[in-house]
Amino acid sequence: MFVAAGRVRGAVRDRAGPWRASGDWWDVGWGREQWDVSLEAGVYRIFRDLLQDAWFIEGEFD
């Protein structure tokens, strides 16, 4: 598995997940699968938007 998004690039060394989350209480419905992935450059939270079928980087762990 490989992550390539802007400045974040690299082979996945380890991963945890997925965790599914969804909602539509006050707004348009949403759903995602979240993963924590370890790359050589650091550990990141990524997710797949289930409605758009697209991947995003949500953040980087310190």
N, C-alpha and C. Protein backbone atom coordinates (compact mmCIF):
# COMPACT_ATOMS: atom_id res chain seq x y z
N MET A 1 0.85 -1.16 0.00
CA MET A 1 0.00 0.00 0.00
C MET A 1 0.91 1.23 0.00
N PHE A 2 0.48 2.27 -0.72
CA PHE A 2 1.27 3.49 -0.87
C PHE A 2 0.36 4.70 -0.74
N VAL A 3 0.83 5.74 -0.05
CA VAL A 3 0.09 6.99 0.09
C VAL A 3 0.82 8.05 -0.72
N ALA A 4 0.07 8.78 -1.54
CA ALA A 4 0.64 9.89 -2.33
C ALA A 4 -0.38 11.01 -2.37
N ALA A 5 -0.14 12.05 -1.57
CA ALA A 5 -1.06 13.20 -1.53
C ALA A 5 -0.26 14.44 -1.17
N GLY A 6 0.02 15.26 -2.15
CA GLY A 6 0.80 16.47 -1.89
C GLY A 6 2.18 16.13 -1.36
N ARG A 7 2.54 16.70 -0.22
CA ARG A 7 3.87 16.46 0.37
C ARG A 7 3.94 15.13 1.11
N VAL A 8 2.82 14.48 1.34
CA VAL A 8 2.78 13.20 2.06
C VAL A 8 2.86 12.07 1.04
N ARG A 9 3.98 11.35 1.05
CA ARG A 9 4.20 10.26 0.12
C ARG A 9 5.00 9.16 0.81
N GLY A 10 4.67 7.93 0.54
CA GLY A 10 5.48 6.85 1.06
C GLY A 10 4.73 5.54 1.19
N ALA A 11 5.51 4.48 1.32
CA ALA A 11 4.96 3.16 1.52
C ALA A 11 4.42 3.05 2.95
N VAL A 12 3.31 2.37 3.10
CA VAL A 12 2.70 2.18 4.42
C VAL A 12 3.49 1.11 5.17
N ARG A 13 4.03 1.48 6.33
CA ARG A 13 4.77 0.54 7.17
C ARG A 13 3.85 -0.26 8.08
N ASP A 14 2.84 0.42 8.60
CA ASP A 14 1.88 -0.21 9.51
C ASP A 14 0.58 0.56 9.41
N ARG A 15 -0.52 -0.07 9.81
CA ARG A 15 -1.82 0.60 9.73
C ARG A 15 -2.74 0.07 10.81
N ALA A 16 -3.72 0.88 11.16
CA ALA A 16 -4.79 0.48 12.08
C ALA A 16 -6.09 0.99 11.50
N GLY A 17 -7.13 0.19 11.60
CA GLY A 17 -8.43 0.57 11.06
C GLY A 17 -8.91 -0.48 10.10
N PRO A 18 -9.99 -0.24 9.46
CA PRO A 18 -10.73 1.03 9.42
C PRO A 18 -11.74 1.16 10.55
N TRP A 19 -12.06 2.41 10.85
CA TRP A 19 -13.15 2.74 11.75
C TRP A 19 -14.18 3.47 10.91
N ARG A 20 -15.41 3.03 10.98
CA ARG A 20 -16.47 3.68 10.21
C ARG A 20 -17.16 4.74 11.04
N ALA A 21 -17.45 5.86 10.40
CA ALA A 21 -18.17 6.96 11.05
C ALA A 21 -19.18 7.50 10.04
N SER A 22 -20.33 7.95 10.55
CA SER A 22 -21.34 8.52 9.66
C SER A 22 -22.26 9.43 10.46
N GLY A 23 -23.04 10.21 9.75
CA GLY A 23 -23.98 11.09 10.41
C GLY A 23 -24.81 11.88 9.42
N ASP A 24 -25.88 12.46 9.92
CA ASP A 24 -26.73 13.33 9.11
C ASP A 24 -27.71 14.08 9.99
N TRP A 25 -27.32 14.33 11.23
CA TRP A 25 -28.24 14.88 12.21
C TRP A 25 -28.73 16.27 11.83
N TRP A 26 -27.82 17.21 11.57
CA TRP A 26 -28.23 18.59 11.26
C TRP A 26 -27.97 18.98 9.82
N ASP A 27 -27.28 18.17 9.08
CA ASP A 27 -26.83 18.57 7.75
C ASP A 27 -26.93 17.39 6.80
N VAL A 28 -26.31 17.55 5.66
CA VAL A 28 -26.29 16.49 4.65
C VAL A 28 -25.58 15.26 5.22
N GLY A 29 -26.08 14.08 4.88
CA GLY A 29 -25.48 12.85 5.37
C GLY A 29 -24.03 12.69 4.91
N TRP A 30 -23.24 12.01 5.71
CA TRP A 30 -21.86 11.73 5.37
C TRP A 30 -21.46 10.37 5.93
N GLY A 31 -20.44 9.78 5.38
CA GLY A 31 -19.90 8.52 5.86
C GLY A 31 -18.45 8.39 5.46
N ARG A 32 -17.64 7.78 6.33
CA ARG A 32 -16.22 7.63 6.04
C ARG A 32 -15.65 6.42 6.73
N GLU A 33 -14.55 5.92 6.19
CA GLU A 33 -13.70 4.92 6.82
C GLU A 33 -12.39 5.61 7.17
N GLN A 34 -12.00 5.55 8.44
CA GLN A 34 -10.77 6.22 8.89
C GLN A 34 -9.69 5.18 9.17
N TRP A 35 -8.47 5.53 8.83
CA TRP A 35 -7.31 4.68 9.07
C TRP A 35 -6.19 5.53 9.68
N ASP A 36 -5.39 4.94 10.54
CA ASP A 36 -4.13 5.53 10.97
C ASP A 36 -3.04 4.76 10.24
N VAL A 37 -2.17 5.48 9.53
CA VAL A 37 -1.12 4.82 8.75
C VAL A 37 0.24 5.37 9.16
N SER A 38 1.20 4.48 9.24
CA SER A 38 2.58 4.85 9.56
C SER A 38 3.40 4.80 8.28
N LEU A 39 4.02 5.94 7.95
CA LEU A 39 4.94 6.05 6.82
C LEU A 39 6.32 6.36 7.37
N GLU A 40 7.33 6.34 6.55
CA GLU A 40 8.67 6.70 7.01
C GLU A 40 8.70 8.12 7.57
N ALA A 41 7.90 9.02 6.98
CA ALA A 41 7.90 10.43 7.37
C ALA A 41 7.05 10.73 8.60
N GLY A 42 6.21 9.80 9.05
CA GLY A 42 5.37 10.07 10.21
C GLY A 42 4.11 9.22 10.21
N VAL A 43 3.21 9.54 11.14
CA VAL A 43 1.94 8.81 11.28
C VAL A 43 0.80 9.77 10.94
N TYR A 44 -0.13 9.30 10.12
CA TYR A 44 -1.19 10.15 9.59
C TYR A 44 -2.54 9.49 9.77
N ARG A 45 -3.58 10.32 9.88
CA ARG A 45 -4.97 9.85 9.84
C ARG A 45 -5.46 10.13 8.43
N ILE A 46 -5.86 9.08 7.73
CA ILE A 46 -6.44 9.23 6.40
C ILE A 46 -7.86 8.69 6.44
N PHE A 47 -8.68 9.12 5.49
CA PHE A 47 -10.02 8.57 5.43
C PHE A 47 -10.52 8.50 4.00
N ARG A 48 -11.45 7.59 3.79
CA ARG A 48 -12.12 7.46 2.50
C ARG A 48 -13.54 7.94 2.69
N ASP A 49 -13.91 8.96 1.93
CA ASP A 49 -15.29 9.46 1.93
C ASP A 49 -16.13 8.44 1.18
N LEU A 50 -17.07 7.81 1.88
CA LEU A 50 -17.86 6.74 1.28
C LEU A 50 -18.88 7.25 0.27
N LEU A 51 -19.29 8.50 0.37
CA LEU A 51 -20.26 9.06 -0.58
C LEU A 51 -19.57 9.50 -1.87
N GLN A 52 -18.36 10.05 -1.75
CA GLN A 52 -17.61 10.50 -2.93
C GLN A 52 -16.66 9.43 -3.47
N ASP A 53 -16.43 8.38 -2.70
CA ASP A 53 -15.43 7.36 -3.01
C ASP A 53 -14.08 8.01 -3.31
N ALA A 54 -13.63 8.88 -2.39
CA ALA A 54 -12.37 9.60 -2.53
C ALA A 54 -11.60 9.53 -1.22
N TRP A 55 -10.26 9.59 -1.31
CA TRP A 55 -9.38 9.51 -0.15
C TRP A 55 -8.85 10.89 0.22
N PHE A 56 -8.66 11.12 1.55
CA PHE A 56 -8.18 12.39 2.07
C PHE A 56 -7.23 12.15 3.24
N ILE A 57 -6.31 13.08 3.47
CA ILE A 57 -5.48 13.08 4.68
C ILE A 57 -6.11 14.06 5.65
N GLU A 58 -6.48 13.56 6.82
CA GLU A 58 -7.14 14.40 7.81
C GLU A 58 -6.14 15.11 8.73
N GLY A 59 -5.03 14.45 9.03
CA GLY A 59 -4.07 15.08 9.92
C GLY A 59 -2.84 14.23 10.14
N GLU A 60 -1.88 14.81 10.85
CA GLU A 60 -0.62 14.16 11.17
C GLU A 60 -0.47 14.10 12.69
N PHE A 61 -0.04 12.96 13.21
CA PHE A 61 0.19 12.81 14.65
C PHE A 61 1.57 13.35 15.00
N ASP A 62 1.67 13.98 16.18
CA ASP A 62 2.96 14.49 16.66
C ASP A 62 3.79 13.37 17.23
